[in-house]
Amino acid sequence: MPERLPSDAVIRAWARLIKAQHAVLSAVETELKAAGFPPLGWYDVLLELSRADGGGLRPFALEQELLLAQYNLSRLLDRIEHAGYIERRNCPEDGRGQIVAITTAGRTLLKRMWPTYRAAIGRHVGAKLSEDEAARLAALLGKLTEAERRNNAST
């Protein structure tokens, strides 16, 4: 059965999703930079590592959580490690592998960044949507992310 072409409404939704993501991310990044913080990607890495059971994650697991290409993640981890916010340890199960773990300094940075990040989310998303609109948007985007997660799990 041939796949249906997307409707004009679907194409418009796609374009607005991409534009909105770019606009909001850019605004949040600008606020973090103005406050003297590193880029949002650093926060995302530190947050995932802070949530990890067992003190860290293998790079491939972190790559899956963040949806970054391996070469981009590798360079990002190098910069964060050089700044002292993460450390790499030998993996006990695989002598050639590594575990990436957040340091005390990384946890401190994560806590310091959150108020600025939270306020930026409030200004650039929360101030533009009612609570009902935000809940509906979250539900709609959840449908997209869950569908993609299921598709990726089955391939």
N, C-alpha and C. Protein backbone atom coordinates (compact mmCIF):
# COMPACT_ATOMS: atom_id res chain seq x y z
N MET A 1 0.85 -1.18 0.00
CA MET A 1 0.00 0.00 0.00
C MET A 1 0.90 1.24 0.00
N PRO A 2 0.71 2.15 -0.97
CA PRO A 2 1.55 3.34 -1.03
C PRO A 2 1.27 4.27 0.14
N GLU A 3 2.33 4.94 0.58
CA GLU A 3 2.20 5.88 1.68
C GLU A 3 1.52 7.16 1.21
N ARG A 4 0.64 7.69 2.05
CA ARG A 4 -0.05 8.95 1.72
C ARG A 4 0.92 10.11 1.84
N LEU A 5 0.78 11.06 0.96
CA LEU A 5 1.56 12.29 1.07
C LEU A 5 0.98 13.13 2.20
N PRO A 6 1.82 13.88 2.91
CA PRO A 6 1.28 14.69 4.01
C PRO A 6 0.39 15.81 3.49
N SER A 7 -0.62 16.10 4.27
CA SER A 7 -1.55 17.18 3.93
C SER A 7 -0.86 18.54 4.16
N ASP A 8 -1.50 19.59 3.69
CA ASP A 8 -0.98 20.93 3.92
C ASP A 8 -0.92 21.24 5.43
N ALA A 9 -1.92 20.76 6.15
CA ALA A 9 -1.93 21.00 7.60
C ALA A 9 -0.75 20.31 8.28
N VAL A 10 -0.42 19.09 7.85
CA VAL A 10 0.71 18.36 8.43
C VAL A 10 2.02 19.07 8.09
N ILE A 11 2.16 19.52 6.86
CA ILE A 11 3.37 20.24 6.47
C ILE A 11 3.50 21.54 7.25
N ARG A 12 2.40 22.26 7.42
CA ARG A 12 2.40 23.50 8.19
C ARG A 12 2.77 23.23 9.65
N ALA A 13 2.23 22.15 10.23
CA ALA A 13 2.56 21.79 11.61
C ALA A 13 4.06 21.49 11.73
N TRP A 14 4.60 20.75 10.78
CA TRP A 14 6.03 20.42 10.78
C TRP A 14 6.88 21.70 10.74
N ALA A 15 6.56 22.58 9.82
CA ALA A 15 7.34 23.82 9.68
C ALA A 15 7.26 24.66 10.95
N ARG A 16 6.10 24.77 11.53
CA ARG A 16 5.95 25.57 12.75
C ARG A 16 6.65 24.91 13.94
N LEU A 17 6.63 23.59 13.99
CA LEU A 17 7.34 22.87 15.05
C LEU A 17 8.83 23.19 14.98
N ILE A 18 9.41 23.11 13.80
CA ILE A 18 10.84 23.37 13.62
C ILE A 18 11.16 24.83 13.93
N LYS A 19 10.35 25.76 13.44
CA LYS A 19 10.59 27.18 13.69
C LYS A 19 10.46 27.51 15.17
N ALA A 20 9.46 26.93 15.82
CA ALA A 20 9.27 27.18 17.25
C ALA A 20 10.44 26.62 18.05
N GLN A 21 10.88 25.42 17.71
CA GLN A 21 12.02 24.84 18.41
C GLN A 21 13.24 25.73 18.27
N HIS A 22 13.51 26.17 17.06
CA HIS A 22 14.68 27.01 16.82
C HIS A 22 14.58 28.33 17.60
N ALA A 23 13.43 28.98 17.54
CA ALA A 23 13.25 30.27 18.21
C ALA A 23 13.41 30.14 19.72
N VAL A 24 12.76 29.15 20.31
CA VAL A 24 12.80 29.00 21.77
C VAL A 24 14.19 28.57 22.22
N LEU A 25 14.80 27.61 21.53
CA LEU A 25 16.14 27.18 21.90
C LEU A 25 17.14 28.33 21.81
N SER A 26 17.03 29.12 20.76
CA SER A 26 17.92 30.26 20.60
C SER A 26 17.76 31.26 21.74
N ALA A 27 16.52 31.54 22.11
CA ALA A 27 16.26 32.48 23.20
C ALA A 27 16.79 31.94 24.54
N VAL A 28 16.58 30.66 24.79
CA VAL A 28 17.07 30.05 26.04
C VAL A 28 18.60 30.06 26.06
N GLU A 29 19.22 29.69 24.96
CA GLU A 29 20.69 29.70 24.87
C GLU A 29 21.23 31.11 25.14
N THR A 30 20.58 32.12 24.58
CA THR A 30 21.01 33.50 24.78
C THR A 30 20.95 33.87 26.26
N GLU A 31 19.90 33.46 26.94
CA GLU A 31 19.77 33.77 28.37
C GLU A 31 20.82 33.04 29.20
N LEU A 32 21.08 31.78 28.87
CA LEU A 32 22.11 31.04 29.60
C LEU A 32 23.48 31.69 29.41
N LYS A 33 23.77 32.07 28.17
CA LYS A 33 25.06 32.71 27.87
C LYS A 33 25.18 34.04 28.61
N ALA A 34 24.12 34.83 28.61
CA ALA A 34 24.13 36.13 29.29
C ALA A 34 24.36 35.96 30.79
N ALA A 35 23.91 34.84 31.35
CA ALA A 35 24.09 34.57 32.78
C ALA A 35 25.45 33.94 33.07
N GLY A 36 26.25 33.74 32.03
CA GLY A 36 27.60 33.18 32.22
C GLY A 36 27.66 31.67 32.26
N PHE A 37 26.63 31.01 31.76
CA PHE A 37 26.58 29.55 31.78
C PHE A 37 26.99 28.97 30.44
N PRO A 38 27.40 27.69 30.45
CA PRO A 38 27.70 27.02 29.19
C PRO A 38 26.41 26.72 28.41
N PRO A 39 26.55 26.19 27.19
CA PRO A 39 25.38 25.91 26.35
C PRO A 39 24.42 24.89 26.96
N LEU A 40 23.22 24.90 26.45
CA LEU A 40 22.16 24.02 26.93
C LEU A 40 22.53 22.55 26.78
N GLY A 41 23.30 22.20 25.77
CA GLY A 41 23.74 20.82 25.59
C GLY A 41 24.50 20.30 26.80
N TRP A 42 25.25 21.17 27.45
CA TRP A 42 25.97 20.76 28.66
C TRP A 42 24.96 20.40 29.75
N TYR A 43 23.94 21.23 29.91
CA TYR A 43 22.90 20.96 30.91
C TYR A 43 22.25 19.61 30.63
N ASP A 44 21.92 19.34 29.37
CA ASP A 44 21.26 18.09 29.01
C ASP A 44 22.13 16.88 29.38
N VAL A 45 23.42 16.95 29.07
CA VAL A 45 24.34 15.86 29.42
C VAL A 45 24.39 15.67 30.93
N LEU A 46 24.59 16.76 31.65
CA LEU A 46 24.69 16.67 33.11
C LEU A 46 23.40 16.15 33.73
N LEU A 47 22.26 16.57 33.20
CA LEU A 47 20.98 16.10 33.73
C LEU A 47 20.83 14.59 33.53
N GLU A 48 21.12 14.10 32.34
CA GLU A 48 21.02 12.65 32.09
C GLU A 48 21.97 11.87 32.99
N LEU A 49 23.18 12.38 33.16
CA LEU A 49 24.14 11.68 34.03
C LEU A 49 23.71 11.73 35.49
N SER A 50 23.10 12.82 35.91
CA SER A 50 22.65 12.93 37.30
C SER A 50 21.50 11.96 37.58
N ARG A 51 20.75 11.60 36.56
CA ARG A 51 19.62 10.68 36.70
C ARG A 51 20.03 9.21 36.58
N ALA A 52 21.24 8.96 36.13
CA ALA A 52 21.68 7.60 35.84
C ALA A 52 21.83 6.76 37.10
N ASP A 53 21.31 5.55 37.03
CA ASP A 53 21.53 4.59 38.11
C ASP A 53 22.97 4.09 38.03
N GLY A 54 23.57 3.82 39.15
CA GLY A 54 24.89 3.23 39.15
C GLY A 54 26.04 4.20 38.93
N GLY A 55 25.77 5.49 38.97
CA GLY A 55 26.85 6.45 38.92
C GLY A 55 27.30 6.91 37.55
N GLY A 56 26.67 6.47 36.49
CA GLY A 56 27.07 6.95 35.18
C GLY A 56 26.42 6.17 34.06
N LEU A 57 26.79 6.54 32.85
CA LEU A 57 26.24 5.90 31.65
C LEU A 57 27.36 5.61 30.67
N ARG A 58 27.18 4.57 29.90
CA ARG A 58 28.08 4.32 28.78
C ARG A 58 27.80 5.39 27.73
N PRO A 59 28.80 5.80 26.96
CA PRO A 59 28.56 6.83 25.94
C PRO A 59 27.43 6.49 24.96
N PHE A 60 27.30 5.23 24.56
CA PHE A 60 26.23 4.89 23.62
C PHE A 60 24.85 5.06 24.26
N ALA A 61 24.73 4.81 25.55
CA ALA A 61 23.45 5.01 26.24
C ALA A 61 23.12 6.50 26.34
N LEU A 62 24.13 7.29 26.61
CA LEU A 62 23.96 8.75 26.66
C LEU A 62 23.59 9.27 25.27
N GLU A 63 24.21 8.74 24.26
CA GLU A 63 23.92 9.11 22.87
C GLU A 63 22.45 8.86 22.55
N GLN A 64 21.92 7.73 22.99
CA GLN A 64 20.51 7.39 22.73
C GLN A 64 19.57 8.33 23.48
N GLU A 65 19.91 8.68 24.70
CA GLU A 65 19.06 9.57 25.49
C GLU A 65 19.02 10.97 24.91
N LEU A 66 20.16 11.43 24.41
CA LEU A 66 20.27 12.80 23.92
C LEU A 66 20.00 12.94 22.42
N LEU A 67 19.96 11.82 21.71
CA LEU A 67 19.74 11.83 20.27
C LEU A 67 20.79 12.67 19.54
N LEU A 68 22.04 12.48 19.92
CA LEU A 68 23.16 13.14 19.26
C LEU A 68 23.96 12.13 18.48
N ALA A 69 24.56 12.58 17.40
CA ALA A 69 25.47 11.71 16.66
C ALA A 69 26.70 11.45 17.52
N GLN A 70 27.30 10.26 17.38
CA GLN A 70 28.42 9.85 18.22
C GLN A 70 29.55 10.87 18.18
N TYR A 71 29.92 11.36 16.99
CA TYR A 71 31.05 12.29 16.91
C TYR A 71 30.73 13.62 17.59
N ASN A 72 29.47 14.07 17.55
CA ASN A 72 29.09 15.30 18.26
C ASN A 72 29.14 15.09 19.76
N LEU A 73 28.65 13.95 20.22
CA LEU A 73 28.66 13.66 21.65
C LEU A 73 30.09 13.54 22.16
N SER A 74 30.94 12.89 21.41
CA SER A 74 32.33 12.71 21.83
C SER A 74 33.02 14.05 22.06
N ARG A 75 32.85 14.96 21.13
CA ARG A 75 33.46 16.30 21.28
C ARG A 75 32.83 17.06 22.45
N LEU A 76 31.53 16.95 22.61
CA LEU A 76 30.85 17.61 23.71
C LEU A 76 31.35 17.07 25.05
N LEU A 77 31.47 15.76 25.15
CA LEU A 77 31.97 15.16 26.39
C LEU A 77 33.41 15.59 26.68
N ASP A 78 34.22 15.69 25.64
CA ASP A 78 35.59 16.17 25.83
C ASP A 78 35.61 17.56 26.46
N ARG A 79 34.77 18.46 25.95
CA ARG A 79 34.73 19.83 26.48
C ARG A 79 34.22 19.86 27.92
N ILE A 80 33.19 19.08 28.20
CA ILE A 80 32.62 19.07 29.55
C ILE A 80 33.62 18.44 30.53
N GLU A 81 34.30 17.40 30.10
CA GLU A 81 35.31 16.76 30.95
C GLU A 81 36.46 17.72 31.22
N HIS A 82 36.92 18.42 30.20
CA HIS A 82 38.02 19.38 30.35
C HIS A 82 37.66 20.46 31.37
N ALA A 83 36.38 20.83 31.43
CA ALA A 83 35.92 21.84 32.39
C ALA A 83 35.75 21.26 33.80
N GLY A 84 35.83 19.93 33.93
CA GLY A 84 35.75 19.30 35.25
C GLY A 84 34.37 18.90 35.71
N TYR A 85 33.39 18.87 34.80
CA TYR A 85 32.02 18.57 35.20
C TYR A 85 31.64 17.10 35.04
N ILE A 86 32.43 16.36 34.30
CA ILE A 86 32.23 14.92 34.18
C ILE A 86 33.58 14.23 34.26
N GLU A 87 33.53 12.92 34.48
CA GLU A 87 34.75 12.12 34.44
C GLU A 87 34.43 10.82 33.72
N ARG A 88 35.46 10.26 33.15
CA ARG A 88 35.31 8.97 32.47
C ARG A 88 36.03 7.92 33.29
N ARG A 89 35.35 6.82 33.49
CA ARG A 89 35.90 5.70 34.26
C ARG A 89 35.91 4.47 33.39
N ASN A 90 36.77 3.52 33.73
CA ASN A 90 36.77 2.24 33.02
C ASN A 90 35.49 1.50 33.38
N CYS A 91 34.94 0.83 32.39
CA CYS A 91 33.73 0.05 32.59
C CYS A 91 34.12 -1.31 33.17
N PRO A 92 33.58 -1.68 34.34
CA PRO A 92 33.95 -2.95 34.94
C PRO A 92 33.56 -4.18 34.09
N GLU A 93 32.46 -4.08 33.34
CA GLU A 93 31.99 -5.20 32.53
C GLU A 93 32.74 -5.35 31.20
N ASP A 94 33.36 -4.26 30.76
CA ASP A 94 34.03 -4.25 29.46
C ASP A 94 35.29 -3.42 29.59
N GLY A 95 36.42 -4.06 29.64
CA GLY A 95 37.69 -3.38 29.85
C GLY A 95 38.00 -2.30 28.83
N ARG A 96 37.42 -2.40 27.65
CA ARG A 96 37.66 -1.39 26.62
C ARG A 96 36.67 -0.24 26.70
N GLY A 97 35.56 -0.44 27.41
CA GLY A 97 34.51 0.57 27.49
C GLY A 97 34.73 1.58 28.59
N GLN A 98 33.91 2.62 28.55
CA GLN A 98 33.96 3.67 29.56
C GLN A 98 32.58 3.94 30.12
N ILE A 99 32.61 4.46 31.33
CA ILE A 99 31.41 5.00 31.97
C ILE A 99 31.65 6.50 32.11
N VAL A 100 30.67 7.29 31.74
CA VAL A 100 30.75 8.74 31.91
C VAL A 100 29.92 9.07 33.15
N ALA A 101 30.53 9.80 34.08
CA ALA A 101 29.85 10.13 35.34
C ALA A 101 29.95 11.62 35.61
N ILE A 102 28.93 12.15 36.24
CA ILE A 102 28.92 13.55 36.63
C ILE A 102 29.77 13.72 37.89
N THR A 103 30.49 14.82 37.98
CA THR A 103 31.31 15.12 39.15
C THR A 103 30.51 16.00 40.11
N THR A 104 31.07 16.24 41.27
CA THR A 104 30.43 17.16 42.23
C THR A 104 30.30 18.54 41.61
N ALA A 105 31.32 18.99 40.90
CA ALA A 105 31.26 20.29 40.22
C ALA A 105 30.15 20.30 39.17
N GLY A 106 29.95 19.18 38.49
CA GLY A 106 28.88 19.07 37.51
C GLY A 106 27.51 19.17 38.15
N ARG A 107 27.35 18.51 39.29
CA ARG A 107 26.06 18.60 40.01
C ARG A 107 25.79 20.04 40.47
N THR A 108 26.85 20.71 40.91
CA THR A 108 26.72 22.10 41.35
C THR A 108 26.32 22.99 40.18
N LEU A 109 26.97 22.80 39.03
CA LEU A 109 26.63 23.60 37.85
C LEU A 109 25.18 23.36 37.43
N LEU A 110 24.76 22.12 37.44
CA LEU A 110 23.38 21.78 37.08
C LEU A 110 22.40 22.54 37.98
N LYS A 111 22.65 22.54 39.27
CA LYS A 111 21.77 23.25 40.22
C LYS A 111 21.81 24.76 40.01
N ARG A 112 22.97 25.29 39.66
CA ARG A 112 23.09 26.73 39.43
C ARG A 112 22.41 27.16 38.13
N MET A 113 22.45 26.31 37.11
CA MET A 113 21.86 26.64 35.82
C MET A 113 20.34 26.59 35.83
N TRP A 114 19.78 25.69 36.63
CA TRP A 114 18.33 25.44 36.57
C TRP A 114 17.48 26.68 36.77
N PRO A 115 17.74 27.55 37.75
CA PRO A 115 16.86 28.72 37.90
C PRO A 115 16.82 29.61 36.64
N THR A 116 17.95 29.79 36.00
CA THR A 116 18.00 30.59 34.76
C THR A 116 17.25 29.87 33.65
N TYR A 117 17.48 28.59 33.52
CA TYR A 117 16.83 27.78 32.50
C TYR A 117 15.31 27.76 32.72
N ARG A 118 14.89 27.52 33.95
CA ARG A 118 13.47 27.48 34.29
C ARG A 118 12.80 28.81 33.97
N ALA A 119 13.45 29.92 34.34
CA ALA A 119 12.88 31.25 34.07
C ALA A 119 12.78 31.50 32.57
N ALA A 120 13.78 31.05 31.81
CA ALA A 120 13.75 31.22 30.35
C ALA A 120 12.60 30.42 29.74
N ILE A 121 12.38 29.21 30.23
CA ILE A 121 11.24 28.40 29.76
C ILE A 121 9.95 29.15 30.05
N GLY A 122 9.86 29.73 31.22
CA GLY A 122 8.67 30.49 31.58
C GLY A 122 8.43 31.67 30.66
N ARG A 123 9.50 32.39 30.34
CA ARG A 123 9.36 33.57 29.47
C ARG A 123 9.05 33.20 28.02
N HIS A 124 9.71 32.18 27.52
CA HIS A 124 9.63 31.89 26.08
C HIS A 124 8.60 30.83 25.71
N VAL A 125 8.06 30.13 26.70
CA VAL A 125 7.00 29.16 26.44
C VAL A 125 5.80 29.46 27.33
N GLY A 126 6.02 29.46 28.62
CA GLY A 126 4.92 29.63 29.58
C GLY A 126 4.16 30.93 29.44
N ALA A 127 4.85 32.02 29.12
CA ALA A 127 4.18 33.31 28.99
C ALA A 127 3.36 33.41 27.70
N LYS A 128 3.59 32.51 26.78
CA LYS A 128 2.91 32.56 25.49
C LYS A 128 1.76 31.57 25.37
N LEU A 129 1.66 30.64 26.33
CA LEU A 129 0.62 29.62 26.30
C LEU A 129 -0.13 29.60 27.63
N SER A 130 -1.43 29.35 27.56
CA SER A 130 -2.17 29.12 28.80
C SER A 130 -1.78 27.75 29.33
N GLU A 131 -2.17 27.44 30.55
CA GLU A 131 -1.90 26.11 31.11
C GLU A 131 -2.57 25.02 30.28
N ASP A 132 -3.78 25.30 29.82
CA ASP A 132 -4.50 24.34 28.99
C ASP A 132 -3.79 24.13 27.66
N GLU A 133 -3.35 25.22 27.04
CA GLU A 133 -2.62 25.10 25.77
C GLU A 133 -1.32 24.34 25.95
N ALA A 134 -0.60 24.63 27.04
CA ALA A 134 0.66 23.93 27.30
C ALA A 134 0.41 22.44 27.51
N ALA A 135 -0.65 22.10 28.22
CA ALA A 135 -0.98 20.68 28.44
C ALA A 135 -1.34 20.00 27.13
N ARG A 136 -2.11 20.67 26.28
CA ARG A 136 -2.48 20.10 24.97
C ARG A 136 -1.24 19.93 24.09
N LEU A 137 -0.37 20.95 24.08
CA LEU A 137 0.85 20.86 23.28
C LEU A 137 1.72 19.71 23.77
N ALA A 138 1.88 19.59 25.08
CA ALA A 138 2.67 18.49 25.64
C ALA A 138 2.09 17.14 25.23
N ALA A 139 0.77 17.03 25.25
CA ALA A 139 0.13 15.77 24.87
C ALA A 139 0.36 15.48 23.38
N LEU A 140 0.21 16.48 22.54
CA LEU A 140 0.42 16.29 21.10
C LEU A 140 1.87 15.92 20.79
N LEU A 141 2.80 16.62 21.38
CA LEU A 141 4.21 16.31 21.16
C LEU A 141 4.56 14.94 21.73
N GLY A 142 3.92 14.59 22.83
CA GLY A 142 4.12 13.26 23.41
C GLY A 142 3.70 12.16 22.44
N LYS A 143 2.62 12.40 21.71
CA LYS A 143 2.19 11.42 20.70
C LYS A 143 3.28 11.22 19.65
N LEU A 144 3.92 12.31 19.23
CA LEU A 144 4.98 12.21 18.23
C LEU A 144 6.21 11.48 18.78
N THR A 145 6.63 11.86 19.99
CA THR A 145 7.84 11.25 20.54
C THR A 145 7.62 9.79 20.89
N GLU A 146 6.45 9.45 21.41
CA GLU A 146 6.18 8.05 21.75
C GLU A 146 6.10 7.19 20.49
N ALA A 147 5.47 7.73 19.44
CA ALA A 147 5.37 6.98 18.18
C ALA A 147 6.76 6.72 17.61
N GLU A 148 7.64 7.72 17.66
CA GLU A 148 9.00 7.54 17.15
C GLU A 148 9.79 6.57 18.02
N ARG A 149 9.59 6.65 19.32
CA ARG A 149 10.28 5.72 20.23
C ARG A 149 9.88 4.28 19.93
N ARG A 150 8.58 4.06 19.69
CA ARG A 150 8.12 2.71 19.35
C ARG A 150 8.69 2.25 18.01
N ASN A 151 8.70 3.17 17.02
CA ASN A 151 9.26 2.82 15.71
C ASN A 151 10.74 2.46 15.83
N ASN A 152 11.49 3.22 16.59
CA ASN A 152 12.93 2.96 16.75
C ASN A 152 13.18 1.67 17.51
N ALA A 153 12.31 1.35 18.44
CA ALA A 153 12.47 0.12 19.22
C ALA A 153 12.20 -1.12 18.36
N SER A 154 11.34 -0.97 17.37
CA SER A 154 10.98 -2.12 16.54
C SER A 154 11.95 -2.34 15.37
N THR A 155 12.84 -1.39 15.13
CA THR A 155 13.79 -1.57 14.02
C THR A 155 15.11 -2.09 14.46
